[in-house]
Amino acid sequence: MATDFDEKRKKAYVNRRSLMDLGMGIIYAGMGGFFLVSELFGIVMEFPPKPFSYIFGGLCLLYGSFRIYRGIKRNYFN
């Protein structure tokens, strides 16, 4: 009886964490993409300056893709 409850709790935790990782990964990747291509849409940002916005955008894109990968893989207990 207790193992059923523990398995349900574990499955619910994995589902919540996976959904959070996917959602945050999409947000981070979208933000990184925005910083990388904002000048193509005519949006000029004063801060951060040009080279730093490209670096920050690339890092956000990498971290977002990592979060998406982790959400798809769902390997939280190993």
PDB file of N, CA and C in Angstrom:
ATOM      1  N   MET A   1       0.817  -1.194   0.000  1.00  0.00           N
ATOM      2  CA  MET A   1       0.000   0.000   0.000  1.00  0.00           C
ATOM      3  C   MET A   1       0.858   1.254   0.000  1.00  0.00           C
ATOM      4  N   ALA A   2       1.888   1.271   0.835  1.00  0.00           N
ATOM      5  CA  ALA A   2       2.747   2.449   0.911  1.00  0.00           C
ATOM      6  C   ALA A   2       3.577   2.610  -0.351  1.00  0.00           C
ATOM      7  N   THR A   3       3.930   1.503  -0.977  1.00  0.00           N
ATOM      8  CA  THR A   3       4.727   1.615  -2.198  1.00  0.00           C
ATOM      9  C   THR A   3       3.910   2.194  -3.339  1.00  0.00           C
ATOM     10  N   ASP A   4       2.610   1.895  -3.385  1.00  0.00           N
ATOM     11  CA  ASP A   4       1.742   2.508  -4.389  1.00  0.00           C
ATOM     12  C   ASP A   4       1.721   4.019  -4.226  1.00  0.00           C
ATOM     13  N   PHE A   5       1.564   4.440  -2.986  1.00  0.00           N
ATOM     14  CA  PHE A   5       1.539   5.872  -2.705  1.00  0.00           C
ATOM     15  C   PHE A   5       2.877   6.527  -3.054  1.00  0.00           C
ATOM     16  N   ASP A   6       3.971   5.868  -2.717  1.00  0.00           N
ATOM     17  CA  ASP A   6       5.295   6.425  -3.037  1.00  0.00           C
ATOM     18  C   ASP A   6       5.522   6.500  -4.536  1.00  0.00           C
ATOM     19  N   GLU A   7       5.066   5.497  -5.261  1.00  0.00           N
ATOM     20  CA  GLU A   7       5.216   5.511  -6.720  1.00  0.00           C
ATOM     21  C   GLU A   7       4.388   6.628  -7.348  1.00  0.00           C
ATOM     22  N   LYS A   8       3.179   6.846  -6.840  1.00  0.00           N
ATOM     23  CA  LYS A   8       2.342   7.935  -7.353  1.00  0.00           C
ATOM     24  C   LYS A   8       2.970   9.289  -7.067  1.00  0.00           C
ATOM     25  N   ARG A   9       3.512   9.439  -5.840  1.00  0.00           N
ATOM     26  CA  ARG A   9       4.184  10.700  -5.497  1.00  0.00           C
ATOM     27  C   ARG A   9       5.401  10.933  -6.377  1.00  0.00           C
ATOM     28  N   LYS A  10       6.165   9.886  -6.619  1.00  0.00           N
ATOM     29  CA  LYS A  10       7.360  10.003  -7.448  1.00  0.00           C
ATOM     30  C   LYS A  10       6.992  10.369  -8.886  1.00  0.00           C
ATOM     31  N   LYS A  11       5.937   9.734  -9.403  1.00  0.00           N
ATOM     32  CA  LYS A  11       5.492  10.022 -10.764  1.00  0.00           C
ATOM     33  C   LYS A  11       4.961  11.456 -10.883  1.00  0.00           C
ATOM     34  N   ALA A  12       4.214  11.906  -9.879  1.00  0.00           N
ATOM     35  CA  ALA A  12       3.692  13.275  -9.891  1.00  0.00           C
ATOM     36  C   ALA A  12       4.835  14.280  -9.827  1.00  0.00           C
ATOM     37  N   TYR A  13       5.858  13.991  -9.014  1.00  0.00           N
ATOM     38  CA  TYR A  13       7.022  14.873  -8.920  1.00  0.00           C
ATOM     39  C   TYR A  13       7.749  14.954 -10.253  1.00  0.00           C
ATOM     40  N   VAL A  14       7.954  13.817 -10.896  1.00  0.00           N
ATOM     41  CA  VAL A  14       8.642  13.794 -12.186  1.00  0.00           C
ATOM     42  C   VAL A  14       7.845  14.568 -13.224  1.00  0.00           C
ATOM     43  N   ASN A  15       6.529  14.418 -13.231  1.00  0.00           N
ATOM     44  CA  ASN A  15       5.700  15.147 -14.189  1.00  0.00           C
ATOM     45  C   ASN A  15       5.766  16.657 -13.964  1.00  0.00           C
ATOM     46  N   ARG A  16       5.677  17.089 -12.697  1.00  0.00           N
ATOM     47  CA  ARG A  16       5.745  18.527 -12.404  1.00  0.00           C
ATOM     48  C   ARG A  16       7.099  19.099 -12.788  1.00  0.00           C
ATOM     49  N   ARG A  17       8.156  18.402 -12.418  1.00  0.00           N
ATOM     50  CA  ARG A  17       9.495  18.916 -12.703  1.00  0.00           C
ATOM     51  C   ARG A  17       9.768  18.927 -14.204  1.00  0.00           C
ATOM     52  N   SER A  18       9.304  17.919 -14.913  1.00  0.00           N
ATOM     53  CA  SER A  18       9.486  17.868 -16.352  1.00  0.00           C
ATOM     54  C   SER A  18       8.749  19.023 -17.033  1.00  0.00           C
ATOM     55  N   LEU A  19       7.535  19.274 -16.597  1.00  0.00           N
ATOM     56  CA  LEU A  19       6.764  20.378 -17.162  1.00  0.00           C
ATOM     57  C   LEU A  19       7.426  21.717 -16.874  1.00  0.00           C
ATOM     58  N   MET A  20       7.946  21.880 -15.659  1.00  0.00           N
ATOM     59  CA  MET A  20       8.640  23.114 -15.314  1.00  0.00           C
ATOM     60  C   MET A  20       9.916  23.280 -16.151  1.00  0.00           C
ATOM     61  N   ASP A  21      10.676  22.197 -16.326  1.00  0.00           N
ATOM     62  CA  ASP A  21      11.886  22.280 -17.136  1.00  0.00           C
ATOM     63  C   ASP A  21      11.569  22.626 -18.583  1.00  0.00           C
ATOM     64  N   LEU A  22      10.536  22.026 -19.133  1.00  0.00           N
ATOM     65  CA  LEU A  22      10.162  22.347 -20.515  1.00  0.00           C
ATOM     66  C   LEU A  22       9.715  23.802 -20.650  1.00  0.00           C
ATOM     67  N   GLY A  23       8.878  24.244 -19.734  1.00  0.00           N
ATOM     68  CA  GLY A  23       8.397  25.629 -19.796  1.00  0.00           C
ATOM     69  C   GLY A  23       9.501  26.641 -19.630  1.00  0.00           C
ATOM     70  N   MET A  24      10.347  26.450 -18.628  1.00  0.00           N
ATOM     71  CA  MET A  24      11.445  27.393 -18.412  1.00  0.00           C
ATOM     72  C   MET A  24      12.465  27.317 -19.541  1.00  0.00           C
ATOM     73  N   GLY A  25      12.663  26.125 -20.104  1.00  0.00           N
ATOM     74  CA  GLY A  25      13.572  25.993 -21.233  1.00  0.00           C
ATOM     75  C   GLY A  25      13.087  26.773 -22.439  1.00  0.00           C
ATOM     76  N   ILE A  26      11.803  26.724 -22.686  1.00  0.00           N
ATOM     77  CA  ILE A  26      11.237  27.484 -23.806  1.00  0.00           C
ATOM     78  C   ILE A  26      11.370  28.979 -23.550  1.00  0.00           C
ATOM     79  N   ILE A  27      11.152  29.400 -22.316  1.00  0.00           N
ATOM     80  CA  ILE A  27      11.283  30.830 -21.983  1.00  0.00           C
ATOM     81  C   ILE A  27      12.727  31.286 -22.157  1.00  0.00           C
ATOM     82  N   TYR A  28      13.687  30.519 -21.611  1.00  0.00           N
ATOM     83  CA  TYR A  28      15.095  30.892 -21.738  1.00  0.00           C
ATOM     84  C   TYR A  28      15.547  30.893 -23.200  1.00  0.00           C
ATOM     85  N   ALA A  29      15.157  29.874 -23.953  1.00  0.00           N
ATOM     86  CA  ALA A  29      15.556  29.808 -25.360  1.00  0.00           C
ATOM     87  C   ALA A  29      14.929  30.958 -26.157  1.00  0.00           C
ATOM     88  N   GLY A  30      13.684  31.280 -25.852  1.00  0.00           N
ATOM     89  CA  GLY A  30      13.038  32.406 -26.532  1.00  0.00           C
ATOM     90  C   GLY A  30      13.699  33.731 -26.208  1.00  0.00           C
ATOM     91  N   MET A  31      14.074  33.898 -24.952  1.00  0.00           N
ATOM     92  CA  MET A  31      14.760  35.124 -24.554  1.00  0.00           C
ATOM     93  C   MET A  31      16.133  35.208 -25.224  1.00  0.00           C
ATOM     94  N   GLY A  32      16.848  34.091 -25.287  1.00  0.00           N
ATOM     95  CA  GLY A  32      18.140  34.070 -25.953  1.00  0.00           C
ATOM     96  C   GLY A  32      18.019  34.373 -27.435  1.00  0.00           C
ATOM     97  N   GLY A  33      17.017  33.791 -28.060  1.00  0.00           N
ATOM     98  CA  GLY A  33      16.777  34.086 -29.472  1.00  0.00           C
ATOM     99  C   GLY A  33      16.427  35.546 -29.699  1.00  0.00           C
ATOM    100  N   PHE A  34      15.660  36.119 -28.776  1.00  0.00           N
ATOM    101  CA  PHE A  34      15.319  37.537 -28.896  1.00  0.00           C
ATOM    102  C   PHE A  34      16.565  38.411 -28.832  1.00  0.00           C
ATOM    103  N   PHE A  35      17.468  38.127 -27.877  1.00  0.00           N
ATOM    104  CA  PHE A  35      18.678  38.923 -27.765  1.00  0.00           C
ATOM    105  C   PHE A  35      19.565  38.766 -28.998  1.00  0.00           C
ATOM    106  N   LEU A  36      19.542  37.590 -29.619  1.00  0.00           N
ATOM    107  CA  LEU A  36      20.392  37.369 -30.782  1.00  0.00           C
ATOM    108  C   LEU A  36      19.862  38.052 -32.036  1.00  0.00           C
ATOM    109  N   VAL A  37      18.554  38.091 -32.220  1.00  0.00           N
ATOM    110  CA  VAL A  37      17.991  38.605 -33.474  1.00  0.00           C
ATOM    111  C   VAL A  37      17.181  39.888 -33.289  1.00  0.00           C
ATOM    112  N   SER A  38      17.333  40.577 -32.181  1.00  0.00           N
ATOM    113  CA  SER A  38      16.506  41.764 -31.934  1.00  0.00           C
ATOM    114  C   SER A  38      16.784  42.871 -32.945  1.00  0.00           C
ATOM    115  N   GLU A  39      17.997  42.989 -33.430  1.00  0.00           N
ATOM    116  CA  GLU A  39      18.301  44.049 -34.397  1.00  0.00           C
ATOM    117  C   GLU A  39      17.668  43.789 -35.757  1.00  0.00           C
ATOM    118  N   LEU A  40      17.391  42.541 -36.087  1.00  0.00           N
ATOM    119  CA  LEU A  40      16.730  42.235 -37.355  1.00  0.00           C
ATOM    120  C   LEU A  40      15.305  42.764 -37.386  1.00  0.00           C
ATOM    121  N   PHE A  41      14.691  42.892 -36.219  1.00  0.00           N
ATOM    122  CA  PHE A  41      13.324  43.409 -36.129  1.00  0.00           C
ATOM    123  C   PHE A  41      13.278  44.907 -35.858  1.00  0.00           C
ATOM    124  N   GLY A  42      14.423  45.553 -35.840  1.00  0.00           N
ATOM    125  CA  GLY A  42      14.477  46.986 -35.627  1.00  0.00           C
ATOM    126  C   GLY A  42      14.429  47.411 -34.179  1.00  0.00           C
ATOM    127  N   ILE A  43      14.675  46.512 -33.265  1.00  0.00           N
ATOM    128  CA  ILE A  43      14.675  46.832 -31.844  1.00  0.00           C
ATOM    129  C   ILE A  43      16.115  47.098 -31.436  1.00  0.00           C
ATOM    130  N   VAL A  44      16.387  48.326 -31.044  1.00  0.00           N
ATOM    131  CA  VAL A  44      17.738  48.696 -30.626  1.00  0.00           C
ATOM    132  C   VAL A  44      17.740  48.813 -29.114  1.00  0.00           C
ATOM    133  N   MET A  45      18.617  48.042 -28.478  1.00  0.00           N
ATOM    134  CA  MET A  45      18.692  48.063 -27.017  1.00  0.00           C
ATOM    135  C   MET A  45      19.923  48.847 -26.592  1.00  0.00           C
ATOM    136  N   GLU A  46      19.737  49.750 -25.672  1.00  0.00           N
ATOM    137  CA  GLU A  46      20.861  50.520 -25.141  1.00  0.00           C
ATOM    138  C   GLU A  46      21.699  49.675 -24.189  1.00  0.00           C
ATOM    139  N   PHE A  47      21.016  48.836 -23.421  1.00  0.00           N
ATOM    140  CA  PHE A  47      21.716  47.998 -22.470  1.00  0.00           C
ATOM    141  C   PHE A  47      21.224  46.573 -22.624  1.00  0.00           C
ATOM    142  N   PRO A  48      22.013  45.609 -22.729  1.00  0.00           N
ATOM    143  CA  PRO A  48      23.472  45.566 -22.750  1.00  0.00           C
ATOM    144  C   PRO A  48      24.007  45.943 -24.126  1.00  0.00           C
ATOM    145  N   PRO A  49      25.256  46.389 -24.187  1.00  0.00           N
ATOM    146  CA  PRO A  49      25.845  46.726 -25.486  1.00  0.00           C
ATOM    147  C   PRO A  49      25.892  45.510 -26.409  1.00  0.00           C
ATOM    148  N   LYS A  50      26.171  45.783 -27.676  1.00  0.00           N
ATOM    149  CA  LYS A  50      26.059  44.764 -28.708  1.00  0.00           C
ATOM    150  C   LYS A  50      26.824  43.457 -28.424  1.00  0.00           C
ATOM    151  N   PRO A  51      28.117  43.470 -28.143  1.00  0.00           N
ATOM    152  CA  PRO A  51      28.768  42.159 -27.970  1.00  0.00           C
ATOM    153  C   PRO A  51      28.255  41.391 -26.745  1.00  0.00           C
ATOM    154  N   PHE A  52      27.895  42.101 -25.697  1.00  0.00           N
ATOM    155  CA  PHE A  52      27.403  41.422 -24.498  1.00  0.00           C
ATOM    156  C   PHE A  52      26.005  40.850 -24.703  1.00  0.00           C
ATOM    157  N   SER A  53      25.194  41.499 -25.501  1.00  0.00           N
ATOM    158  CA  SER A  53      23.863  40.952 -25.762  1.00  0.00           C
ATOM    159  C   SER A  53      23.964  39.673 -26.590  1.00  0.00           C
ATOM    160  N   TYR A  54      24.930  39.595 -27.498  1.00  0.00           N
ATOM    161  CA  TYR A  54      25.131  38.357 -28.261  1.00  0.00           C
ATOM    162  C   TYR A  54      25.625  37.226 -27.357  1.00  0.00           C
ATOM    163  N   ILE A  55      26.543  37.533 -26.464  1.00  0.00           N
ATOM    164  CA  ILE A  55      27.053  36.517 -25.537  1.00  0.00           C
ATOM    165  C   ILE A  55      25.942  36.047 -24.608  1.00  0.00           C
ATOM    166  N   PHE A  56      25.186  36.997 -24.048  1.00  0.00           N
ATOM    167  CA  PHE A  56      24.090  36.647 -23.149  1.00  0.00           C
ATOM    168  C   PHE A  56      23.018  35.851 -23.881  1.00  0.00           C
ATOM    169  N   GLY A  57      22.706  36.243 -25.110  1.00  0.00           N
ATOM    170  CA  GLY A  57      21.718  35.514 -25.899  1.00  0.00           C
ATOM    171  C   GLY A  57      22.162  34.095 -26.188  1.00  0.00           C
ATOM    172  N   GLY A  58      23.437  33.924 -26.509  1.00  0.00           N
ATOM    173  CA  GLY A  58      23.955  32.580 -26.755  1.00  0.00           C
ATOM    174  C   GLY A  58      23.913  31.715 -25.513  1.00  0.00           C
ATOM    175  N   LEU A  59      24.277  32.297 -24.370  1.00  0.00           N
ATOM    176  CA  LEU A  59      24.232  31.538 -23.117  1.00  0.00           C
ATOM    177  C   LEU A  59      22.800  31.161 -22.749  1.00  0.00           C
ATOM    178  N   CYS A  60      21.872  32.082 -22.941  1.00  0.00           N
ATOM    179  CA  CYS A  60      20.464  31.769 -22.657  1.00  0.00           C
ATOM    180  C   CYS A  60      19.949  30.674 -23.582  1.00  0.00           C
ATOM    181  N   LEU A  61      20.354  30.717 -24.836  1.00  0.00           N
ATOM    182  CA  LEU A  61      19.937  29.693 -25.781  1.00  0.00           C
ATOM    183  C   LEU A  61      20.496  28.328 -25.396  1.00  0.00           C
ATOM    184  N   LEU A  62      21.755  28.285 -24.984  1.00  0.00           N
ATOM    185  CA  LEU A  62      22.354  27.025 -24.541  1.00  0.00           C
ATOM    186  C   LEU A  62      21.668  26.486 -23.287  1.00  0.00           C
ATOM    187  N   TYR A  63      21.452  27.363 -22.305  1.00  0.00           N
ATOM    188  CA  TYR A  63      20.823  26.920 -21.066  1.00  0.00           C
ATOM    189  C   TYR A  63      19.377  26.490 -21.309  1.00  0.00           C
ATOM    190  N   GLY A  64      18.678  27.203 -22.167  1.00  0.00           N
ATOM    191  CA  GLY A  64      17.308  26.818 -22.491  1.00  0.00           C
ATOM    192  C   GLY A  64      17.243  25.467 -23.178  1.00  0.00           C
ATOM    193  N   SER A  65      18.180  25.203 -24.078  1.00  0.00           N
ATOM    194  CA  SER A  65      18.184  23.899 -24.738  1.00  0.00           C
ATOM    195  C   SER A  65      18.537  22.790 -23.748  1.00  0.00           C
ATOM    196  N   PHE A  66      19.417  23.085 -22.773  1.00  0.00           N
ATOM    197  CA  PHE A  66      19.711  22.103 -21.733  1.00  0.00           C
ATOM    198  C   PHE A  66      18.480  21.805 -20.896  1.00  0.00           C
ATOM    199  N   ARG A  67      17.720  22.827 -20.538  1.00  0.00           N
ATOM    200  CA  ARG A  67      16.517  22.612 -19.732  1.00  0.00           C
ATOM    201  C   ARG A  67      15.473  21.813 -20.508  1.00  0.00           C
ATOM    202  N   ILE A  68      15.351  22.080 -21.804  1.00  0.00           N
ATOM    203  CA  ILE A  68      14.409  21.321 -22.626  1.00  0.00           C
ATOM    204  C   ILE A  68      14.847  19.860 -22.705  1.00  0.00           C
ATOM    205  N   TYR A  69      16.135  19.628 -22.895  1.00  0.00           N
ATOM    206  CA  TYR A  69      16.657  18.267 -22.940  1.00  0.00           C
ATOM    207  C   TYR A  69      16.403  17.535 -21.623  1.00  0.00           C
ATOM    208  N   ARG A  70      16.641  18.208 -20.518  1.00  0.00           N
ATOM    209  CA  ARG A  70      16.436  17.592 -19.211  1.00  0.00           C
ATOM    210  C   ARG A  70      14.959  17.296 -18.973  1.00  0.00           C
ATOM    211  N   GLY A  71      14.073  18.165 -19.465  1.00  0.00           N
ATOM    212  CA  GLY A  71      12.643  17.923 -19.316  1.00  0.00           C
ATOM    213  C   GLY A  71      12.153  16.766 -20.164  1.00  0.00           C
ATOM    214  N   ILE A  72      12.755  16.573 -21.316  1.00  0.00           N
ATOM    215  CA  ILE A  72      12.368  15.460 -22.180  1.00  0.00           C
ATOM    216  C   ILE A  72      12.921  14.146 -21.642  1.00  0.00           C
ATOM    217  N   LYS A  73      14.160  14.182 -21.141  1.00  0.00           N
ATOM    218  CA  LYS A  73      14.803  12.950 -20.670  1.00  0.00           C
ATOM    219  C   LYS A  73      14.162  12.400 -19.389  1.00  0.00           C
ATOM    220  N   ARG A  74      13.739  13.272 -18.476  1.00  0.00           N
ATOM    221  CA  ARG A  74      13.052  12.909 -17.236  1.00  0.00           C
ATOM    222  C   ARG A  74      13.854  11.955 -16.358  1.00  0.00           C
ATOM    223  N   ASN A  75      15.132  12.178 -16.237  1.00  0.00           N
ATOM    224  CA  ASN A  75      16.000  11.312 -15.436  1.00  0.00           C
ATOM    225  C   ASN A  75      16.387  12.060 -14.160  1.00  0.00           C
ATOM    226  N   TYR A  76      15.488  12.132 -13.188  1.00  0.00           N
ATOM    227  CA  TYR A  76      15.710  12.954 -12.017  1.00  0.00           C
ATOM    228  C   TYR A  76      16.211  12.181 -10.792  1.00  0.00           C
ATOM    229  N   PHE A  77      16.100  10.879 -10.803  1.00  0.00           N
ATOM    230  CA  PHE A  77      16.436  10.117  -9.596  1.00  0.00           C
ATOM    231  C   PHE A  77      17.695   9.278  -9.739  1.00  0.00           C
ATOM    232  N   ASN A  78      18.483   9.482 -10.771  1.00  0.00           N
ATOM    233  CA  ASN A  78      19.728   8.701 -10.919  1.00  0.00           C
ATOM    234  C   ASN A  78      20.938   9.535 -10.684  1.00  0.00           C
TER     235      ASN A  78
END
